[in-house]
Every structure is written in C-alpha cells, then in structure tokens.
C-alpha cells in the first residue's frame, strides 16, 4: 500500500493530536522500585529541593510521586483521578503539584487547590532514615 506524502503528514498529525488530547501525559521524573520494606536508597535525583522521582511500591498499582521540598520529602499518588492516566508534576516555584493533563493543582498534603479535580490525592509519608527513604501510606 502506497500513501502520498500529504496523507502521511495528515495521519501523523492526527495521531499526535489524539495522543495529546486523550493519551497519557507523563512526568519525565526517574522511576525507582522500592523493596518489600518500601524503602529505596536516597537517589541522587532527589539531591536538591524542587526535585522529584516516582517510586513503584510493592502491591501498589501506580507509582508514588516523591518530591523534595525545602523542609523535607512528600509523597502522593502520581496519576490524576480526573483522567486516570495523566501524571502529576511538582512545581517548586509554586509549591504545588499540578496535573499535566487537566491543570488541577494540589497542595503537598494532597488536597485540591484548583480543579477540575474534585478528589484529593492519596498522601504518603516519606521518611528519611539514614541514606534511605521509607514510603508509608
């Protein structure tokens, strides 16, 4: 089957639009796997306030977004309840977590600041224990 250059460009643009409107928008933060004790070695990616990683916990379907603030660490679910596929990103200048898809903003405790999201995020306690992070939730 041969397609013209014009058909190829049109089809490519349509796919890009479809992904942008209804597909998964991902936070590029690195992903780490926690052990059965729900700990990870403190990653270099969390060396500075404002940094963020995603952590997969055993028996938890979606990764936890772990952020480093000026005073410590916070954790929340990483998938938006509005779209069920769009991820969040920590915005350190605003000290909020934003949905990359719908634009909802959340406080670090998971409560909704601005919608359209109505439900809070599940919050996790992130405890620094020596050179390890323990994620409790």
Protein backbone atom coordinates (compact mmCIF):
# COMPACT_ATOMS: atom_id res chain seq x y z
CA UNK A 1 0.00 0.00 0.00
CA UNK A 2 1.43 3.34 -1.04
CA UNK A 3 0.43 6.61 0.58
CA UNK A 4 1.28 10.07 -0.54
CA UNK A 5 3.46 12.43 1.44
CA UNK A 6 0.39 14.54 2.18
CA UNK A 7 -1.54 11.53 3.55
CA UNK A 8 1.43 10.58 5.72
CA UNK A 9 1.73 14.08 7.20
CA UNK A 10 -2.03 14.26 7.80
CA UNK A 11 -2.09 10.85 9.51
CA UNK A 12 0.95 11.73 11.64
CA UNK A 13 -0.63 15.00 12.76
CA UNK A 14 -3.88 13.23 13.61
CA UNK A 15 -2.03 10.67 15.74
CA UNK A 16 -0.10 13.42 17.55
CA UNK A 17 -3.34 15.27 18.28
CA UNK A 18 -5.03 12.12 19.53
CA UNK A 19 -2.17 11.35 21.88
CA UNK A 20 -2.05 14.95 23.11
CA UNK A 21 -5.77 15.12 23.80
CA UNK A 22 -6.55 11.71 25.18
CA UNK A 23 -3.31 9.89 25.72
CA UNK A 24 -1.05 9.64 28.70
CA UNK A 25 0.91 12.76 29.57
CA UNK A 26 3.94 11.63 31.53
CA UNK A 27 6.17 13.29 34.08
CA UNK A 28 9.76 12.57 32.97
CA UNK A 29 10.95 12.09 36.58
CA UNK A 30 13.08 8.95 37.03
CA UNK A 31 11.37 5.81 38.36
CA UNK A 32 12.70 3.63 41.17
CA UNK A 33 11.48 0.30 42.56
CA UNK A 34 11.13 0.06 46.34
CA UNK A 35 11.96 -3.11 48.20
CA UNK A 36 9.41 -5.12 50.16
CA UNK A 37 10.17 -2.87 53.13
CA UNK A 38 9.01 0.08 50.97
CA UNK A 39 12.42 1.76 51.03
CA UNK A 40 14.81 2.98 48.36
CA UNK A 41 18.36 4.26 48.72
CA UNK A 42 18.22 8.07 48.63
CA UNK A 43 18.60 8.74 44.90
CA UNK A 44 20.91 11.45 43.58
CA UNK A 45 17.87 12.67 41.62
CA UNK A 46 16.47 13.97 44.96
CA UNK A 47 19.64 15.83 45.97
CA UNK A 48 18.14 19.32 45.67
CA UNK A 49 14.90 20.91 46.89
CA UNK A 50 12.46 21.01 43.99
CA UNK A 51 13.50 17.61 42.64
CA UNK A 52 11.13 14.68 42.15
CA UNK A 53 11.11 10.96 41.41
CA UNK A 54 8.48 8.26 41.01
CA UNK A 55 8.65 5.17 43.19
CA UNK A 56 6.92 1.87 42.47
CA UNK A 57 5.83 0.22 45.73
CA UNK A 58 5.08 -3.49 46.05
CA UNK A 59 1.34 -4.20 45.67
CA UNK A 60 0.51 -0.57 44.76
CA UNK A 61 -0.73 -0.24 41.17
CA UNK A 62 0.55 3.27 40.41
CA UNK A 63 3.90 4.86 41.30
CA UNK A 64 4.16 7.37 44.14
CA UNK A 65 5.40 10.85 43.24
CA UNK A 66 8.10 11.73 45.80
CA UNK A 67 9.20 15.37 45.92
CA UNK A 68 11.91 17.11 47.90
CA UNK A 69 10.89 20.43 49.39
CA UNK A 70 12.99 22.92 51.33
CA UNK A 71 11.99 21.20 54.58
CA UNK A 72 11.81 17.52 53.67
CA UNK A 73 10.07 14.98 51.47
CA UNK A 74 6.41 14.47 50.45
CA UNK A 75 4.65 11.74 48.54
CA UNK A 76 1.33 11.48 46.70
CA UNK A 77 -0.28 9.30 44.09
CA UNK A 78 1.10 10.12 40.65
CA UNK A 79 -1.98 9.54 38.48
CA UNK A 80 -4.87 12.02 38.16
CA UNK A 81 -8.31 10.86 39.31
CA UNK A 82 -9.90 13.07 36.64
CA UNK A 83 -8.28 11.33 33.67
CA UNK A 84 -6.96 8.13 35.33
CA UNK A 85 -3.90 8.29 33.05
CA UNK A 86 -2.35 11.72 33.30
CA UNK A 87 0.52 12.19 35.72
CA UNK A 88 1.44 14.97 38.12
CA UNK A 89 4.50 17.14 38.33
CA UNK A 90 5.80 19.10 41.32
CA UNK A 91 6.10 22.83 40.65
CA UNK A 92 8.62 24.01 43.26
CA UNK A 93 8.23 27.73 42.49
CA UNK A 94 4.52 27.47 43.34
CA UNK A 95 4.96 24.68 45.95
CA UNK A 96 2.10 22.72 44.34
CA UNK A 97 1.59 19.50 42.44
CA UNK A 98 -0.10 20.01 39.06
CA UNK A 99 -1.90 17.59 36.79
CA UNK A 100 -0.18 17.65 33.40
CA UNK A 101 -3.46 16.86 31.66
CA UNK A 102 -6.34 18.78 33.26
CA UNK A 103 -4.34 21.51 35.02
CA UNK A 104 -5.70 20.82 38.52
CA UNK A 105 -3.40 21.95 41.35
CA UNK A 106 -2.92 20.19 44.67
CA UNK A 107 -1.26 21.08 47.96
CA UNK A 108 1.57 18.82 49.10
CA UNK A 109 -0.84 17.10 51.54
CA UNK A 110 -2.91 16.01 48.50
CA UNK A 111 -5.83 18.40 49.00
CA UNK A 112 -7.29 20.10 45.91
CA UNK A 113 -6.36 23.76 45.41
CA UNK A 114 -7.94 24.28 41.99
CA UNK A 115 -10.00 21.96 39.80
CA UNK A 116 -11.46 20.49 37.75
CA UNK A 117 -10.35 17.65 40.06
CA UNK A 118 -12.72 17.18 43.00
CA UNK A 119 -11.00 14.35 44.87
CA UNK A 120 -7.77 14.76 46.85
CA UNK A 121 -4.66 12.78 46.09
CA UNK A 122 -3.66 9.91 48.35
CA UNK A 123 -0.82 11.22 50.50
CA UNK A 124 2.16 9.15 51.60
CA UNK A 125 4.58 9.78 54.45
CA UNK A 126 8.15 9.85 53.19
CA UNK A 127 10.69 9.40 55.97
CA UNK A 128 14.44 9.81 55.56
CA UNK A 129 16.14 7.04 57.54
CA UNK A 130 19.88 7.46 57.22
CA UNK A 131 20.58 7.11 53.50
CA UNK A 132 17.21 5.51 52.69
CA UNK A 133 13.71 6.83 52.04
CA UNK A 134 10.85 4.86 53.58
CA UNK A 135 7.46 5.44 51.96
CA UNK A 136 4.47 4.79 54.17
CA UNK A 137 0.88 5.00 53.11
